[in-house]
Amino acid sequence: MATEASGLQEARDAKERAKKLFAKQADVVGVGITRIGTRYGVKVDLGQTPNPSAELPETIDGVPIRIEVVGPVRKR
C-alpha cells in the first residue's frame, strides 16, 4: 500500500530530525518508529523528566511524536 510506505518514510525522516531537536533539550536515551493510532510516528525515550521550560514538539513535519520517560538505560 503506497500510503503506508510513504507514511513510514515520513516517520523515518521525522526520526532523524527528532534526534537532533530533542538532544538539544532533553536527556534522550532512545528514538524509534512506532504506531500511534493508525499512523506511523516517532517514539522518543528520555532518561529523566525534561525541564518544564523545554519546548518539545508534539509533531515533526506532521508526524506525531510520543515521549516517554523510561529512566537511564544501562548495559546488561
N, C-alpha and C. Protein backbone atom coordinates (compact mmCIF):
# COMPACT_ATOMS: atom_id res chain seq x y z
N MET A 1 0.84 -1.18 0.00
CA MET A 1 0.00 0.00 0.00
C MET A 1 0.89 1.24 0.00
N ALA A 2 0.73 2.09 -0.98
CA ALA A 2 1.61 3.24 -1.17
C ALA A 2 1.53 4.23 -0.01
N THR A 3 0.34 4.49 0.52
CA THR A 3 0.23 5.47 1.59
C THR A 3 0.92 5.00 2.86
N GLU A 4 0.87 3.70 3.14
CA GLU A 4 1.56 3.19 4.33
C GLU A 4 3.06 3.31 4.15
N ALA A 5 3.57 3.00 2.96
CA ALA A 5 5.01 3.11 2.70
C ALA A 5 5.46 4.56 2.80
N SER A 6 4.66 5.48 2.27
CA SER A 6 5.06 6.89 2.34
C SER A 6 4.97 7.39 3.78
N GLY A 7 3.99 6.88 4.55
CA GLY A 7 3.89 7.25 5.96
C GLY A 7 5.08 6.76 6.75
N LEU A 8 5.57 5.57 6.42
CA LEU A 8 6.75 5.04 7.08
C LEU A 8 7.97 5.88 6.74
N GLN A 9 8.10 6.30 5.49
CA GLN A 9 9.24 7.13 5.10
C GLN A 9 9.18 8.49 5.80
N GLU A 10 7.99 9.06 5.93
CA GLU A 10 7.84 10.33 6.65
C GLU A 10 8.29 10.17 8.10
N ALA A 11 7.93 9.04 8.72
CA ALA A 11 8.34 8.77 10.10
C ALA A 11 9.85 8.62 10.19
N ARG A 12 10.45 7.96 9.22
CA ARG A 12 11.92 7.82 9.21
C ARG A 12 12.60 9.18 9.14
N ASP A 13 12.08 10.03 8.26
CA ASP A 13 12.65 11.38 8.12
C ASP A 13 12.47 12.18 9.42
N ALA A 14 11.27 12.08 10.01
CA ALA A 14 10.99 12.80 11.26
C ALA A 14 11.86 12.27 12.40
N LYS A 15 12.16 10.97 12.37
CA LYS A 15 13.01 10.37 13.41
C LYS A 15 14.37 11.03 13.43
N GLU A 16 14.95 11.25 12.27
CA GLU A 16 16.27 11.88 12.19
C GLU A 16 16.21 13.31 12.72
N ARG A 17 15.16 14.04 12.39
CA ARG A 17 15.01 15.41 12.90
C ARG A 17 14.78 15.40 14.40
N ALA A 18 13.99 14.43 14.88
CA ALA A 18 13.70 14.34 16.32
C ALA A 18 14.98 14.12 17.12
N LYS A 19 15.86 13.27 16.62
CA LYS A 19 17.13 13.01 17.32
C LYS A 19 17.86 14.32 17.59
N LYS A 20 17.93 15.17 16.59
CA LYS A 20 18.66 16.42 16.72
C LYS A 20 17.92 17.42 17.60
N LEU A 21 16.62 17.57 17.39
CA LEU A 21 15.84 18.54 18.15
C LEU A 21 15.77 18.20 19.64
N PHE A 22 15.50 16.93 19.95
CA PHE A 22 15.34 16.54 21.34
C PHE A 22 16.67 16.50 22.08
N ALA A 23 17.75 16.13 21.40
CA ALA A 23 19.05 16.04 22.05
C ALA A 23 19.50 17.40 22.60
N LYS A 24 19.05 18.48 22.01
CA LYS A 24 19.42 19.82 22.46
C LYS A 24 18.71 20.21 23.75
N GLN A 25 17.57 19.54 24.06
CA GLN A 25 16.74 19.99 25.17
C GLN A 25 16.44 18.94 26.23
N ALA A 26 16.79 17.69 25.98
CA ALA A 26 16.40 16.63 26.91
C ALA A 26 17.44 15.51 26.91
N ASP A 27 17.34 14.65 27.91
CA ASP A 27 18.24 13.50 28.07
C ASP A 27 17.67 12.32 27.27
N VAL A 28 17.98 12.28 25.97
CA VAL A 28 17.44 11.25 25.08
C VAL A 28 18.25 9.97 25.23
N VAL A 29 17.55 8.85 25.47
CA VAL A 29 18.21 7.55 25.57
C VAL A 29 17.80 6.62 24.43
N GLY A 30 16.81 7.03 23.63
CA GLY A 30 16.40 6.21 22.50
C GLY A 30 15.38 6.92 21.64
N VAL A 31 15.44 6.65 20.33
CA VAL A 31 14.48 7.21 19.38
C VAL A 31 14.13 6.09 18.40
N GLY A 32 12.83 5.87 18.20
CA GLY A 32 12.42 4.81 17.28
C GLY A 32 11.12 5.15 16.58
N ILE A 33 10.69 4.25 15.72
CA ILE A 33 9.44 4.41 14.99
C ILE A 33 8.42 3.47 15.61
N THR A 34 7.19 3.96 15.78
CA THR A 34 6.12 3.19 16.40
C THR A 34 4.81 3.52 15.72
N ARG A 35 3.80 2.73 16.01
CA ARG A 35 2.44 3.05 15.55
C ARG A 35 1.80 3.94 16.59
N ILE A 36 1.21 5.03 16.14
CA ILE A 36 0.44 5.92 17.01
C ILE A 36 -0.93 6.03 16.33
N GLY A 37 -1.89 5.37 16.90
CA GLY A 37 -3.20 5.28 16.25
C GLY A 37 -3.07 4.45 14.99
N THR A 38 -3.49 4.99 13.87
CA THR A 38 -3.41 4.27 12.59
C THR A 38 -2.22 4.70 11.76
N ARG A 39 -1.37 5.55 12.32
CA ARG A 39 -0.23 6.09 11.58
C ARG A 39 1.09 5.66 12.20
N TYR A 40 2.14 5.86 11.43
CA TYR A 40 3.47 5.72 11.98
C TYR A 40 3.84 7.02 12.67
N GLY A 41 4.57 6.90 13.75
CA GLY A 41 5.04 8.06 14.48
C GLY A 41 6.43 7.79 15.02
N VAL A 42 6.93 8.74 15.79
CA VAL A 42 8.26 8.64 16.38
C VAL A 42 8.10 8.57 17.89
N LYS A 43 8.80 7.63 18.51
CA LYS A 43 8.80 7.50 19.97
C LYS A 43 10.17 7.94 20.47
N VAL A 44 10.16 8.88 21.40
CA VAL A 44 11.40 9.39 21.99
C VAL A 44 11.42 8.97 23.45
N ASP A 45 12.44 8.19 23.82
CA ASP A 45 12.62 7.75 25.21
C ASP A 45 13.62 8.68 25.89
N LEU A 46 13.21 9.17 27.08
CA LEU A 46 14.05 10.08 27.83
C LEU A 46 14.56 9.42 29.10
N GLY A 47 15.76 9.78 29.50
CA GLY A 47 16.35 9.25 30.72
C GLY A 47 15.82 9.89 31.98
N GLN A 48 15.29 11.09 31.86
CA GLN A 48 14.71 11.79 33.01
C GLN A 48 13.67 12.79 32.50
N THR A 49 12.84 13.25 33.40
CA THR A 49 11.81 14.22 33.05
C THR A 49 12.46 15.49 32.53
N PRO A 50 12.00 15.98 31.38
CA PRO A 50 12.62 17.19 30.83
C PRO A 50 12.29 18.42 31.66
N ASN A 51 13.13 19.41 31.52
CA ASN A 51 12.92 20.70 32.17
C ASN A 51 11.57 21.26 31.70
N PRO A 52 10.76 21.80 32.59
CA PRO A 52 9.46 22.35 32.19
C PRO A 52 9.55 23.43 31.11
N SER A 53 10.68 24.10 31.03
CA SER A 53 10.83 25.14 30.02
C SER A 53 11.23 24.60 28.65
N ALA A 54 11.53 23.31 28.57
CA ALA A 54 11.91 22.70 27.29
C ALA A 54 10.71 22.75 26.34
N GLU A 55 10.98 23.11 25.11
CA GLU A 55 9.93 23.18 24.09
C GLU A 55 10.04 21.96 23.20
N LEU A 56 9.43 20.86 23.64
CA LEU A 56 9.49 19.60 22.90
C LEU A 56 8.27 19.50 21.99
N PRO A 57 8.49 19.27 20.69
CA PRO A 57 7.36 19.25 19.75
C PRO A 57 6.49 18.00 19.91
N GLU A 58 5.21 18.16 19.60
CA GLU A 58 4.27 17.03 19.60
C GLU A 58 4.19 16.39 18.23
N THR A 59 4.61 17.14 17.20
CA THR A 59 4.69 16.62 15.84
C THR A 59 5.93 17.20 15.18
N ILE A 60 6.42 16.50 14.19
CA ILE A 60 7.51 16.99 13.35
C ILE A 60 7.10 16.72 11.92
N ASP A 61 6.97 17.76 11.14
CA ASP A 61 6.52 17.64 9.74
C ASP A 61 5.23 16.84 9.63
N GLY A 62 4.32 17.02 10.60
CA GLY A 62 3.05 16.34 10.58
C GLY A 62 3.06 14.93 11.15
N VAL A 63 4.23 14.43 11.52
CA VAL A 63 4.36 13.08 12.09
C VAL A 63 4.22 13.20 13.61
N PRO A 64 3.31 12.41 14.21
CA PRO A 64 3.12 12.50 15.67
C PRO A 64 4.33 11.99 16.44
N ILE A 65 4.58 12.61 17.60
CA ILE A 65 5.69 12.24 18.47
C ILE A 65 5.11 11.75 19.79
N ARG A 66 5.61 10.61 20.27
CA ARG A 66 5.25 10.11 21.60
C ARG A 66 6.51 10.18 22.46
N ILE A 67 6.39 10.83 23.61
CA ILE A 67 7.53 10.99 24.52
C ILE A 67 7.26 10.14 25.75
N GLU A 68 8.27 9.36 26.16
CA GLU A 68 8.14 8.55 27.37
C GLU A 68 9.42 8.64 28.19
N VAL A 69 9.27 8.89 29.48
CA VAL A 69 10.41 8.90 30.39
C VAL A 69 10.61 7.47 30.86
N VAL A 70 11.73 6.86 30.44
CA VAL A 70 12.00 5.45 30.76
C VAL A 70 13.11 5.29 31.79
N GLY A 71 13.77 6.37 32.12
CA GLY A 71 14.89 6.30 33.05
C GLY A 71 16.19 6.00 32.32
N PRO A 72 17.27 5.89 33.07
CA PRO A 72 18.56 5.63 32.46
C PRO A 72 18.59 4.24 31.81
N VAL A 73 19.30 4.15 30.72
CA VAL A 73 19.47 2.86 30.05
C VAL A 73 20.86 2.34 30.40
N ARG A 74 20.92 1.12 30.88
CA ARG A 74 22.19 0.51 31.28
C ARG A 74 22.47 -0.74 30.47
N LYS A 75 23.72 -0.97 30.23
CA LYS A 75 24.13 -2.19 29.55
C LYS A 75 23.97 -3.37 30.51
N ARG A 76 23.45 -4.46 30.03
CA ARG A 76 23.28 -5.66 30.88
C ARG A 76 24.47 -6.58 30.76
